[in-house]
Amino acid sequence: MATGYLDIAFTPSVEAAQASNGSAGLYDKMRAMRMTTRLGPAEEDFITRRDSLYLASAGETGWPYVQHRGGPAGFVKVIDDKTLAFADFRGNRQYISLGNTTANDRVSLFLMDYPNRRRLKIYARLEVRDLSADPGLAERIVLAGYRAIPERAMVFHIEAFDWNCPQHISPRFTEAEIDQAVQPLREQLAALEAENRALKDRLASSGQG
């Protein structure tokens, strides 16, 4: 049977915390619903628009580690409705996430859409693949023209996912998003400046300038 996100997240200690804080049973109806673990069109569209994500893993000491991963929008590829993948590019070469998931392949992904205050949470198991041994996958996830060195493929086998409410997500905008938003203002300003120059030229040619 497919496991829902809340079935994974609501451990006995979490349920005890809910009981002591007055929210026990609040999600019973949601847990009783049939929760899909397969990505649909909404999830695929959301994921392929992202230019970053947060990847959480845990080491043998029990300490969690959260890492930011980013790239051009669409660097995370939807392989199928249960699988995501992206090329693991060379970074600071600490390899903490890589080492953690060698011992424990369970990970959590947070994908954020700050402008629209949306968040997709995913539980998955991480499989690391050699790019040279899987040329078909490499062709799908290696980004042509992107100035980074791909070292391996990160393949995520989805166990469950959930959408979060927008409460407390502060809107933030990338440089590209701001540029797109102000483009109509630039065009309007350019038109006004051109109109002003034309008016000055007419006045000058009539001797009134």
N, C-alpha and C. Protein backbone atom coordinates (compact mmCIF):
# COMPACT_ATOMS: atom_id res chain seq x y z
N MET A 1 0.85 -1.20 0.00
CA MET A 1 0.00 0.00 0.00
C MET A 1 0.88 1.24 0.00
N ALA A 2 0.50 2.24 -0.76
CA ALA A 2 1.27 3.48 -0.82
C ALA A 2 1.24 4.17 0.53
N THR A 3 2.36 4.69 0.92
CA THR A 3 2.47 5.37 2.21
C THR A 3 2.26 6.85 2.02
N GLY A 4 1.38 7.44 2.82
CA GLY A 4 1.14 8.87 2.74
C GLY A 4 2.20 9.65 3.49
N TYR A 5 2.32 10.93 3.15
CA TYR A 5 3.33 11.78 3.77
C TYR A 5 3.15 11.83 5.29
N LEU A 6 1.90 11.96 5.74
CA LEU A 6 1.65 12.09 7.17
C LEU A 6 1.94 10.78 7.89
N ASP A 7 1.78 9.65 7.21
CA ASP A 7 2.10 8.36 7.85
C ASP A 7 3.59 8.26 8.15
N ILE A 8 4.40 8.87 7.31
CA ILE A 8 5.84 8.88 7.57
C ILE A 8 6.19 9.92 8.63
N ALA A 9 5.59 11.10 8.51
CA ALA A 9 5.97 12.22 9.37
C ALA A 9 5.44 12.09 10.79
N PHE A 10 4.25 11.49 10.94
CA PHE A 10 3.62 11.44 12.27
C PHE A 10 4.09 10.20 13.03
N THR A 11 5.28 10.29 13.58
CA THR A 11 5.83 9.23 14.42
C THR A 11 5.18 9.30 15.81
N PRO A 12 5.36 8.30 16.66
CA PRO A 12 4.79 8.36 18.00
C PRO A 12 5.18 9.61 18.78
N SER A 13 6.42 10.05 18.66
CA SER A 13 6.83 11.24 19.39
C SER A 13 6.18 12.50 18.83
N VAL A 14 5.95 12.51 17.51
CA VAL A 14 5.24 13.65 16.90
C VAL A 14 3.79 13.66 17.36
N GLU A 15 3.16 12.49 17.39
CA GLU A 15 1.78 12.42 17.86
C GLU A 15 1.67 12.81 19.33
N ALA A 16 2.68 12.49 20.12
CA ALA A 16 2.67 12.90 21.53
C ALA A 16 2.77 14.42 21.64
N ALA A 17 3.61 15.02 20.77
CA ALA A 17 3.73 16.48 20.77
C ALA A 17 2.42 17.13 20.35
N GLN A 18 1.72 16.52 19.39
CA GLN A 18 0.42 17.05 18.97
C GLN A 18 -0.59 16.97 20.11
N ALA A 19 -0.57 15.86 20.82
CA ALA A 19 -1.51 15.70 21.93
C ALA A 19 -1.27 16.73 23.02
N SER A 20 -0.01 16.98 23.32
CA SER A 20 0.30 17.93 24.39
C SER A 20 0.07 19.38 23.98
N ASN A 21 -0.05 19.60 22.66
CA ASN A 21 -0.26 20.97 22.18
C ASN A 21 -1.66 21.18 21.58
N GLY A 22 -2.54 20.23 21.80
CA GLY A 22 -3.94 20.42 21.44
C GLY A 22 -4.31 20.18 20.00
N SER A 23 -3.45 19.51 19.22
CA SER A 23 -3.80 19.27 17.81
C SER A 23 -3.97 17.79 17.49
N ALA A 24 -4.08 16.96 18.52
CA ALA A 24 -4.30 15.53 18.30
C ALA A 24 -5.62 15.33 17.56
N GLY A 25 -5.58 14.52 16.52
CA GLY A 25 -6.79 14.22 15.75
C GLY A 25 -7.12 15.24 14.68
N LEU A 26 -6.37 16.34 14.63
CA LEU A 26 -6.67 17.39 13.67
C LEU A 26 -6.53 16.91 12.23
N TYR A 27 -5.62 15.96 12.02
CA TYR A 27 -5.36 15.48 10.67
C TYR A 27 -5.90 14.08 10.41
N ASP A 28 -6.78 13.60 11.28
CA ASP A 28 -7.29 12.23 11.12
C ASP A 28 -8.01 12.03 9.79
N LYS A 29 -8.83 13.00 9.40
CA LYS A 29 -9.56 12.86 8.14
C LYS A 29 -8.60 12.86 6.95
N MET A 30 -7.58 13.69 7.03
CA MET A 30 -6.60 13.74 5.94
C MET A 30 -5.84 12.42 5.84
N ARG A 31 -5.50 11.84 6.97
CA ARG A 31 -4.76 10.58 6.96
C ARG A 31 -5.62 9.43 6.45
N ALA A 32 -6.93 9.54 6.67
CA ALA A 32 -7.83 8.49 6.21
C ALA A 32 -8.08 8.54 4.71
N MET A 33 -7.78 9.68 4.11
CA MET A 33 -7.99 9.82 2.66
C MET A 33 -6.91 9.03 1.91
N ARG A 34 -7.26 8.61 0.71
CA ARG A 34 -6.29 7.92 -0.14
C ARG A 34 -5.31 8.97 -0.67
N MET A 35 -4.06 8.91 -0.24
CA MET A 35 -3.06 9.91 -0.61
C MET A 35 -2.14 9.35 -1.68
N THR A 36 -2.14 9.98 -2.82
CA THR A 36 -1.29 9.51 -3.92
C THR A 36 0.18 9.80 -3.64
N THR A 37 1.02 8.90 -4.08
CA THR A 37 2.47 9.13 -4.00
C THR A 37 3.05 9.32 -5.39
N ARG A 38 2.18 9.46 -6.36
CA ARG A 38 2.63 9.66 -7.74
C ARG A 38 2.44 11.12 -8.15
N LEU A 39 3.45 11.68 -8.75
CA LEU A 39 3.39 13.06 -9.17
C LEU A 39 2.35 13.25 -10.27
N GLY A 40 1.60 14.32 -10.16
CA GLY A 40 0.63 14.67 -11.19
C GLY A 40 1.12 15.86 -11.99
N PRO A 41 0.29 16.36 -12.91
CA PRO A 41 0.69 17.51 -13.73
C PRO A 41 1.05 18.75 -12.91
N ALA A 42 0.33 18.99 -11.82
CA ALA A 42 0.62 20.17 -11.00
C ALA A 42 2.00 20.07 -10.37
N GLU A 43 2.33 18.88 -9.84
CA GLU A 43 3.64 18.69 -9.22
C GLU A 43 4.76 18.77 -10.27
N GLU A 44 4.54 18.14 -11.42
CA GLU A 44 5.57 18.16 -12.46
C GLU A 44 5.84 19.58 -12.94
N ASP A 45 4.79 20.35 -13.14
CA ASP A 45 4.96 21.74 -13.58
C ASP A 45 5.71 22.55 -12.53
N PHE A 46 5.34 22.35 -11.27
CA PHE A 46 5.99 23.07 -10.18
C PHE A 46 7.47 22.74 -10.11
N ILE A 47 7.79 21.46 -10.15
CA ILE A 47 9.18 21.01 -10.01
C ILE A 47 10.04 21.52 -11.16
N THR A 48 9.54 21.44 -12.37
CA THR A 48 10.36 21.81 -13.53
C THR A 48 10.56 23.32 -13.65
N ARG A 49 9.86 24.09 -12.84
CA ARG A 49 10.05 25.54 -12.84
C ARG A 49 11.05 26.00 -11.78
N ARG A 50 11.45 25.12 -10.92
CA ARG A 50 12.31 25.52 -9.81
C ARG A 50 13.77 25.66 -10.23
N ASP A 51 14.45 26.60 -9.59
CA ASP A 51 15.89 26.78 -9.83
C ASP A 51 16.71 26.45 -8.58
N SER A 52 16.05 25.90 -7.56
CA SER A 52 16.78 25.50 -6.34
C SER A 52 15.90 24.59 -5.51
N LEU A 53 16.53 23.92 -4.57
CA LEU A 53 15.81 23.11 -3.59
C LEU A 53 16.69 22.95 -2.36
N TYR A 54 16.08 22.44 -1.28
CA TYR A 54 16.80 22.11 -0.07
C TYR A 54 16.75 20.60 0.11
N LEU A 55 17.90 20.01 0.36
CA LEU A 55 18.04 18.56 0.49
C LEU A 55 18.49 18.24 1.92
N ALA A 56 17.69 17.46 2.64
CA ALA A 56 18.01 17.10 4.03
C ALA A 56 18.35 15.62 4.11
N SER A 57 19.41 15.33 4.84
CA SER A 57 19.83 13.95 5.09
C SER A 57 20.27 13.87 6.55
N ALA A 58 20.58 12.66 7.00
CA ALA A 58 21.05 12.48 8.38
C ALA A 58 22.25 11.55 8.38
N GLY A 59 23.26 11.93 9.19
CA GLY A 59 24.48 11.13 9.27
C GLY A 59 24.39 10.06 10.34
N GLU A 60 25.46 9.25 10.45
CA GLU A 60 25.47 8.16 11.43
C GLU A 60 25.39 8.65 12.86
N THR A 61 25.77 9.90 13.11
CA THR A 61 25.68 10.46 14.46
C THR A 61 24.25 10.87 14.81
N GLY A 62 23.36 10.84 13.82
CA GLY A 62 21.99 11.27 14.06
C GLY A 62 21.74 12.73 13.76
N TRP A 63 22.80 13.50 13.55
CA TRP A 63 22.65 14.92 13.24
C TRP A 63 22.14 15.10 11.81
N PRO A 64 21.13 15.98 11.64
CA PRO A 64 20.64 16.26 10.29
C PRO A 64 21.55 17.23 9.56
N TYR A 65 21.48 17.21 8.25
CA TYR A 65 22.25 18.14 7.42
C TYR A 65 21.34 18.61 6.29
N VAL A 66 21.25 19.92 6.12
CA VAL A 66 20.42 20.50 5.06
C VAL A 66 21.33 21.22 4.08
N GLN A 67 21.18 20.90 2.82
CA GLN A 67 22.02 21.48 1.80
C GLN A 67 21.15 22.16 0.74
N HIS A 68 21.61 23.32 0.28
CA HIS A 68 20.94 24.01 -0.83
C HIS A 68 21.54 23.51 -2.13
N ARG A 69 20.66 23.16 -3.06
CA ARG A 69 21.10 22.79 -4.41
C ARG A 69 20.40 23.70 -5.40
N GLY A 70 21.15 24.16 -6.39
CA GLY A 70 20.56 25.07 -7.36
C GLY A 70 21.15 24.90 -8.74
N GLY A 71 20.54 25.58 -9.70
CA GLY A 71 20.96 25.55 -11.08
C GLY A 71 19.96 26.32 -11.91
N PRO A 72 20.06 26.24 -13.21
CA PRO A 72 19.06 26.89 -14.06
C PRO A 72 17.68 26.30 -13.80
N ALA A 73 16.64 27.10 -13.99
CA ALA A 73 15.29 26.60 -13.82
C ALA A 73 15.10 25.34 -14.66
N GLY A 74 14.58 24.29 -14.03
CA GLY A 74 14.40 23.02 -14.72
C GLY A 74 15.55 22.06 -14.53
N PHE A 75 16.52 22.37 -13.66
CA PHE A 75 17.65 21.46 -13.48
C PHE A 75 17.22 20.15 -12.83
N VAL A 76 16.12 20.19 -12.09
CA VAL A 76 15.55 18.95 -11.55
C VAL A 76 14.63 18.36 -12.61
N LYS A 77 14.90 17.14 -13.00
CA LYS A 77 14.14 16.48 -14.07
C LYS A 77 13.15 15.48 -13.48
N VAL A 78 11.93 15.50 -13.98
CA VAL A 78 10.93 14.49 -13.62
C VAL A 78 11.12 13.31 -14.57
N ILE A 79 11.69 12.23 -14.07
CA ILE A 79 11.96 11.05 -14.89
C ILE A 79 10.66 10.29 -15.16
N ASP A 80 9.88 10.12 -14.12
CA ASP A 80 8.52 9.57 -14.25
C ASP A 80 7.74 10.03 -13.03
N ASP A 81 6.53 9.50 -12.84
CA ASP A 81 5.69 10.02 -11.77
C ASP A 81 6.08 9.55 -10.37
N LYS A 82 7.18 8.81 -10.27
CA LYS A 82 7.72 8.40 -8.97
C LYS A 82 9.20 8.72 -8.81
N THR A 83 9.79 9.39 -9.80
CA THR A 83 11.24 9.54 -9.81
C THR A 83 11.67 10.93 -10.26
N LEU A 84 12.59 11.53 -9.51
CA LEU A 84 13.24 12.78 -9.89
C LEU A 84 14.74 12.53 -10.02
N ALA A 85 15.42 13.39 -10.74
CA ALA A 85 16.88 13.26 -10.86
C ALA A 85 17.49 14.60 -11.22
N PHE A 86 18.72 14.80 -10.78
CA PHE A 86 19.50 15.94 -11.26
C PHE A 86 20.97 15.57 -11.23
N ALA A 87 21.75 16.29 -12.00
CA ALA A 87 23.19 16.08 -12.03
C ALA A 87 23.82 16.70 -10.79
N ASP A 88 24.66 15.95 -10.12
CA ASP A 88 25.36 16.45 -8.94
C ASP A 88 26.64 17.12 -9.40
N PHE A 89 26.65 18.45 -9.33
CA PHE A 89 27.81 19.20 -9.80
C PHE A 89 28.84 19.38 -8.70
N ARG A 90 30.08 19.49 -9.09
CA ARG A 90 31.16 19.65 -8.13
C ARG A 90 31.00 20.97 -7.38
N GLY A 91 31.11 20.89 -6.06
CA GLY A 91 31.00 22.09 -5.23
C GLY A 91 32.22 22.23 -4.34
N ASN A 92 31.99 22.32 -3.01
CA ASN A 92 33.11 22.51 -2.08
C ASN A 92 33.81 21.20 -1.73
N ARG A 93 33.29 20.09 -2.27
CA ARG A 93 33.91 18.77 -2.13
C ARG A 93 33.94 18.27 -0.69
N GLN A 94 32.96 18.68 0.12
CA GLN A 94 32.82 18.10 1.45
C GLN A 94 32.07 16.77 1.40
N TYR A 95 31.14 16.63 0.46
CA TYR A 95 30.41 15.39 0.22
C TYR A 95 29.63 14.90 1.46
N ILE A 96 29.07 15.84 2.20
CA ILE A 96 28.33 15.46 3.41
C ILE A 96 27.03 14.73 3.05
N SER A 97 26.26 15.32 2.12
CA SER A 97 25.01 14.66 1.71
C SER A 97 25.29 13.29 1.10
N LEU A 98 26.32 13.23 0.26
CA LEU A 98 26.69 11.97 -0.40
C LEU A 98 27.06 10.92 0.64
N GLY A 99 27.88 11.30 1.59
CA GLY A 99 28.28 10.36 2.63
C GLY A 99 27.12 9.92 3.50
N ASN A 100 26.28 10.89 3.89
CA ASN A 100 25.12 10.57 4.73
C ASN A 100 24.23 9.53 4.05
N THR A 101 23.96 9.75 2.78
CA THR A 101 23.00 8.89 2.10
C THR A 101 23.60 7.55 1.69
N THR A 102 24.91 7.42 1.81
CA THR A 102 25.52 6.10 1.64
C THR A 102 25.14 5.20 2.79
N ALA A 103 25.02 5.80 3.97
CA ALA A 103 24.64 5.04 5.17
C ALA A 103 23.13 4.97 5.36
N ASN A 104 22.42 6.02 4.95
CA ASN A 104 20.96 6.10 5.11
C ASN A 104 20.41 6.83 3.90
N ASP A 105 19.71 6.10 3.04
CA ASP A 105 19.28 6.69 1.77
C ASP A 105 18.00 7.52 1.89
N ARG A 106 17.44 7.65 3.10
CA ARG A 106 16.24 8.45 3.28
C ARG A 106 16.59 9.94 3.25
N VAL A 107 15.86 10.70 2.44
CA VAL A 107 16.09 12.15 2.36
C VAL A 107 14.75 12.87 2.32
N SER A 108 14.82 14.16 2.56
CA SER A 108 13.66 15.03 2.45
C SER A 108 14.03 16.19 1.55
N LEU A 109 13.13 16.55 0.65
CA LEU A 109 13.34 17.67 -0.26
C LEU A 109 12.30 18.75 0.02
N PHE A 110 12.76 19.99 0.02
CA PHE A 110 11.85 21.14 0.07
C PHE A 110 12.07 21.95 -1.20
N LEU A 111 11.00 22.15 -1.94
CA LEU A 111 11.05 22.98 -3.15
C LEU A 111 10.16 24.19 -2.91
N MET A 112 10.73 25.38 -3.08
CA MET A 112 10.05 26.62 -2.72
C MET A 112 9.73 27.47 -3.95
N ASP A 113 8.53 28.02 -3.93
CA ASP A 113 8.13 29.06 -4.89
C ASP A 113 7.83 30.29 -4.05
N TYR A 114 8.85 31.10 -3.79
CA TYR A 114 8.70 32.24 -2.90
C TYR A 114 7.73 33.30 -3.43
N PRO A 115 7.79 33.67 -4.71
CA PRO A 115 6.86 34.71 -5.19
C PRO A 115 5.40 34.35 -4.98
N ASN A 116 5.07 33.07 -5.19
CA ASN A 116 3.67 32.63 -5.06
C ASN A 116 3.39 31.94 -3.74
N ARG A 117 4.38 31.93 -2.85
CA ARG A 117 4.23 31.40 -1.49
C ARG A 117 3.70 29.96 -1.51
N ARG A 118 4.41 29.12 -2.25
CA ARG A 118 4.05 27.71 -2.34
C ARG A 118 5.27 26.86 -1.99
N ARG A 119 4.99 25.67 -1.43
CA ARG A 119 6.09 24.81 -0.99
C ARG A 119 5.67 23.36 -1.18
N LEU A 120 6.53 22.58 -1.81
CA LEU A 120 6.30 21.15 -2.01
C LEU A 120 7.34 20.38 -1.20
N LYS A 121 6.86 19.49 -0.33
CA LYS A 121 7.74 18.67 0.49
C LYS A 121 7.72 17.23 -0.04
N ILE A 122 8.88 16.62 -0.09
CA ILE A 122 8.98 15.27 -0.65
C ILE A 122 9.85 14.39 0.26
N TYR A 123 9.35 13.21 0.56
CA TYR A 123 10.16 12.15 1.15
C TYR A 123 10.61 11.23 0.02
N ALA A 124 11.89 10.88 0.02
CA ALA A 124 12.39 10.02 -1.05
C ALA A 124 13.58 9.20 -0.56
N ARG A 125 13.91 8.21 -1.35
CA ARG A 125 15.15 7.46 -1.15
C ARG A 125 16.10 7.83 -2.28
N LEU A 126 17.32 8.13 -1.91
CA LEU A 126 18.30 8.63 -2.88
C LEU A 126 19.17 7.48 -3.40
N GLU A 127 19.22 7.41 -4.72
CA GLU A 127 20.12 6.47 -5.39
C GLU A 127 21.16 7.27 -6.16
N VAL A 128 22.42 6.98 -5.94
CA VAL A 128 23.51 7.65 -6.64
C VAL A 128 23.95 6.79 -7.81
N ARG A 129 24.02 7.37 -8.99
CA ARG A 129 24.40 6.61 -10.18
C ARG A 129 25.61 7.25 -10.86
N ASP A 130 26.42 6.39 -11.44
CA ASP A 130 27.57 6.82 -12.24
C ASP A 130 27.06 7.28 -13.60
N LEU A 131 27.34 8.52 -13.94
CA LEU A 131 26.86 9.07 -15.21
C LEU A 131 27.41 8.31 -16.42
N SER A 132 28.65 7.89 -16.33
CA SER A 132 29.26 7.19 -17.46
C SER A 132 28.64 5.81 -17.68
N ALA A 133 28.03 5.25 -16.63
CA ALA A 133 27.42 3.93 -16.73
C ALA A 133 25.97 4.00 -17.18
N ASP A 134 25.42 5.20 -17.24
CA ASP A 134 24.02 5.37 -17.63
C ASP A 134 23.91 6.56 -18.59
N PRO A 135 24.38 6.40 -19.82
CA PRO A 135 24.40 7.51 -20.76
C PRO A 135 23.01 8.07 -21.07
N GLY A 136 21.99 7.22 -21.03
CA GLY A 136 20.63 7.70 -21.28
C GLY A 136 20.19 8.70 -20.23
N LEU A 137 20.44 8.37 -18.97
CA LEU A 137 20.11 9.29 -17.88
C LEU A 137 20.97 10.54 -17.96
N ALA A 138 22.25 10.35 -18.25
CA ALA A 138 23.16 11.50 -18.35
C ALA A 138 22.67 12.49 -19.39
N GLU A 139 22.19 11.99 -20.52
CA GLU A 139 21.70 12.87 -21.57
C GLU A 139 20.50 13.69 -21.11
N ARG A 140 19.69 13.12 -20.23
CA ARG A 140 18.49 13.81 -19.76
C ARG A 140 18.79 14.86 -18.71
N ILE A 141 19.82 14.65 -17.88
CA ILE A 141 19.99 15.54 -16.73
C ILE A 141 21.19 16.48 -16.82
N VAL A 142 22.20 16.15 -17.64
CA VAL A 142 23.35 17.05 -17.76
C VAL A 142 22.93 18.26 -18.58
N LEU A 143 23.23 19.45 -18.07
CA LEU A 143 22.74 20.69 -18.66
C LEU A 143 23.75 21.24 -19.67
N ALA A 144 23.38 21.24 -20.91
CA ALA A 144 24.26 21.72 -21.97
C ALA A 144 24.54 23.20 -21.77
N GLY A 145 25.82 23.57 -21.83
CA GLY A 145 26.20 24.97 -21.71
C GLY A 145 26.30 25.49 -20.30
N TYR A 146 25.93 24.66 -19.31
CA TYR A 146 26.02 25.12 -17.91
C TYR A 146 27.44 24.89 -17.41
N ARG A 147 28.04 25.97 -16.88
CA ARG A 147 29.45 25.92 -16.49
C ARG A 147 29.61 25.29 -15.11
N ALA A 148 29.54 23.97 -15.08
CA ALA A 148 29.76 23.22 -13.85
C ALA A 148 30.17 21.81 -14.25
N ILE A 149 30.86 21.14 -13.34
CA ILE A 149 31.36 19.80 -13.62
C ILE A 149 30.44 18.76 -13.00
N PRO A 150 29.70 17.99 -13.80
CA PRO A 150 28.83 16.95 -13.23
C PRO A 150 29.66 15.75 -12.78
N GLU A 151 29.44 15.34 -11.53
CA GLU A 151 30.21 14.23 -10.99
C GLU A 151 29.43 12.92 -10.91
N ARG A 152 28.12 13.03 -10.79
CA ARG A 152 27.28 11.83 -10.64
C ARG A 152 25.83 12.23 -10.84
N ALA A 153 24.96 11.25 -10.86
CA ALA A 153 23.52 11.49 -10.94
C ALA A 153 22.89 11.23 -9.58
N MET A 154 22.05 12.14 -9.15
CA MET A 154 21.25 11.96 -7.94
C MET A 154 19.84 11.58 -8.39
N VAL A 155 19.41 10.38 -8.04
CA VAL A 155 18.08 9.89 -8.45
C VAL A 155 17.25 9.70 -7.19
N PHE A 156 16.07 10.31 -7.18
CA PHE A 156 15.21 10.29 -6.00
C PHE A 156 13.96 9.46 -6.28
N HIS A 157 13.81 8.38 -5.53
CA HIS A 157 12.64 7.52 -5.64
C HIS A 157 11.62 7.97 -4.59
N ILE A 158 10.54 8.55 -5.04
CA ILE A 158 9.60 9.24 -4.16
C ILE A 158 8.80 8.25 -3.33
N GLU A 159 8.78 8.48 -2.01
CA GLU A 159 7.96 7.71 -1.09
C GLU A 159 6.64 8.42 -0.81
N ALA A 160 6.68 9.76 -0.71
CA ALA A 160 5.48 10.54 -0.42
C ALA A 160 5.79 12.01 -0.64
N PHE A 161 4.72 12.79 -0.84
CA PHE A 161 4.91 14.24 -0.95
C PHE A 161 3.67 14.94 -0.40
N ASP A 162 3.84 16.22 -0.12
CA ASP A 162 2.73 17.01 0.43
C ASP A 162 2.97 18.48 0.11
N TRP A 163 1.88 19.20 -0.10
CA TRP A 163 1.93 20.65 -0.29
C TRP A 163 1.72 21.32 1.06
N ASN A 164 2.47 22.38 1.31
CA ASN A 164 2.31 23.14 2.54
C ASN A 164 1.46 24.38 2.32
N CYS A 165 0.86 24.84 3.40
CA CYS A 165 0.10 26.09 3.32
C CYS A 165 1.07 27.26 3.19
N PRO A 166 0.60 28.42 2.69
CA PRO A 166 1.49 29.55 2.44
C PRO A 166 1.81 30.39 3.68
N GLN A 167 1.22 30.04 4.80
CA GLN A 167 1.41 30.86 6.00
C GLN A 167 2.89 31.01 6.35
N HIS A 168 3.30 32.23 6.60
CA HIS A 168 4.65 32.59 7.03
C HIS A 168 5.72 32.46 5.95
N ILE A 169 5.34 32.21 4.70
CA ILE A 169 6.31 32.22 3.61
C ILE A 169 6.38 33.65 3.07
N SER A 170 7.50 34.29 3.26
CA SER A 170 7.68 35.67 2.79
C SER A 170 8.01 35.66 1.30
N PRO A 171 7.27 36.42 0.49
CA PRO A 171 7.59 36.46 -0.95
C PRO A 171 8.99 37.00 -1.20
N ARG A 172 9.74 36.34 -2.05
CA ARG A 172 11.05 36.80 -2.49
C ARG A 172 11.13 36.62 -3.99
N PHE A 173 11.92 37.46 -4.63
CA PHE A 173 11.95 37.46 -6.09
C PHE A 173 13.39 37.41 -6.58
N THR A 174 13.63 36.64 -7.62
CA THR A 174 14.95 36.58 -8.22
C THR A 174 15.17 37.81 -9.10
N GLU A 175 16.41 38.01 -9.49
CA GLU A 175 16.74 39.13 -10.37
C GLU A 175 15.96 39.02 -11.68
N ALA A 176 15.85 37.80 -12.22
CA ALA A 176 15.13 37.60 -13.47
C ALA A 176 13.65 37.91 -13.32
N GLU A 177 13.06 37.52 -12.17
CA GLU A 177 11.64 37.79 -11.94
C GLU A 177 11.38 39.28 -11.79
N ILE A 178 12.28 39.99 -11.11
CA ILE A 178 12.13 41.43 -10.97
C ILE A 178 12.28 42.11 -12.33
N ASP A 179 13.25 41.65 -13.11
CA ASP A 179 13.48 42.21 -14.43
C ASP A 179 12.24 42.06 -15.31
N GLN A 180 11.63 40.90 -15.24
CA GLN A 180 10.41 40.64 -16.03
C GLN A 180 9.27 41.53 -15.56
N ALA A 181 9.16 41.73 -14.25
CA ALA A 181 8.06 42.52 -13.70
C ALA A 181 8.17 44.00 -14.07
N VAL A 182 9.40 44.52 -14.13
CA VAL A 182 9.56 45.95 -14.41
C VAL A 182 9.71 46.25 -15.90
N GLN A 183 9.77 45.21 -16.73
CA GLN A 183 9.93 45.44 -18.17
C GLN A 183 8.83 46.33 -18.76
N PRO A 184 7.54 46.14 -18.40
CA PRO A 184 6.52 47.06 -18.92
C PRO A 184 6.76 48.52 -18.53
N LEU A 185 7.31 48.74 -17.34
CA LEU A 185 7.63 50.11 -16.91
C LEU A 185 8.76 50.68 -17.75
N ARG A 186 9.77 49.85 -18.05
CA ARG A 186 10.87 50.31 -18.90
C ARG A 186 10.33 50.70 -20.29
N GLU A 187 9.45 49.86 -20.83
CA GLU A 187 8.91 50.15 -22.15
C GLU A 187 8.06 51.42 -22.14
N GLN A 188 7.29 51.62 -21.07
CA GLN A 188 6.47 52.82 -20.97
C GLN A 188 7.36 54.06 -20.84
N LEU A 189 8.42 53.95 -20.05
CA LEU A 189 9.35 55.07 -19.88
C LEU A 189 10.04 55.40 -21.20
N ALA A 190 10.47 54.36 -21.94
CA ALA A 190 11.13 54.59 -23.22
C ALA A 190 10.18 55.28 -24.20
N ALA A 191 8.88 54.87 -24.18
CA ALA A 191 7.90 55.51 -25.07
C ALA A 191 7.70 56.97 -24.70
N LEU A 192 7.63 57.25 -23.41
CA LEU A 192 7.45 58.64 -22.95
C LEU A 192 8.66 59.50 -23.31
N GLU A 193 9.86 58.93 -23.16
CA GLU A 193 11.07 59.67 -23.51
C GLU A 193 11.12 59.96 -25.01
N ALA A 194 10.71 58.95 -25.82
CA ALA A 194 10.69 59.16 -27.27
C ALA A 194 9.66 60.23 -27.64
N GLU A 195 8.52 60.20 -26.98
CA GLU A 195 7.48 61.20 -27.23
C GLU A 195 7.96 62.59 -26.83
N ASN A 196 8.67 62.67 -25.73
CA ASN A 196 9.20 63.95 -25.26
C ASN A 196 10.24 64.51 -26.22
N ARG A 197 11.12 63.62 -26.73
CA ARG A 197 12.13 64.07 -27.69
C ARG A 197 11.46 64.57 -28.97
N ALA A 198 10.45 63.83 -29.44
CA ALA A 198 9.75 64.24 -30.66
C ALA A 198 9.09 65.59 -30.49
N LEU A 199 8.51 65.84 -29.32
CA LEU A 199 7.86 67.12 -29.04
C LEU A 199 8.89 68.25 -29.03
N LYS A 200 10.06 67.99 -28.41
CA LYS A 200 11.11 69.02 -28.37
C LYS A 200 11.59 69.32 -29.78
N ASP A 201 11.73 68.26 -30.61
CA ASP A 201 12.19 68.46 -31.99
C ASP A 201 11.19 69.30 -32.77
N ARG A 202 9.89 69.06 -32.58
CA ARG A 202 8.87 69.84 -33.29
C ARG A 202 8.89 71.30 -32.86
N LEU A 203 9.07 71.50 -31.55
CA LEU A 203 9.12 72.87 -31.05
C LEU A 203 10.35 73.59 -31.57
N ALA A 204 11.48 72.87 -31.63
CA ALA A 204 12.71 73.50 -32.12
C ALA A 204 12.60 73.85 -33.58
N SER A 205 12.00 72.95 -34.37
CA SER A 205 11.87 73.22 -35.81
C SER A 205 10.89 74.34 -36.12
N SER A 206 9.96 74.61 -35.21
CA SER A 206 8.99 75.68 -35.41
C SER A 206 9.48 77.00 -34.81
N GLY A 207 10.67 76.96 -34.20
CA GLY A 207 11.20 78.16 -33.60
C GLY A 207 10.66 78.47 -32.24
N GLN A 208 9.94 77.53 -31.62
CA GLN A 208 9.37 77.78 -30.31
C GLN A 208 10.20 77.14 -29.20
N GLY A 209 11.19 76.36 -29.62
CA GLY A 209 11.98 75.69 -28.60
C GLY A 209 13.05 76.54 -28.01
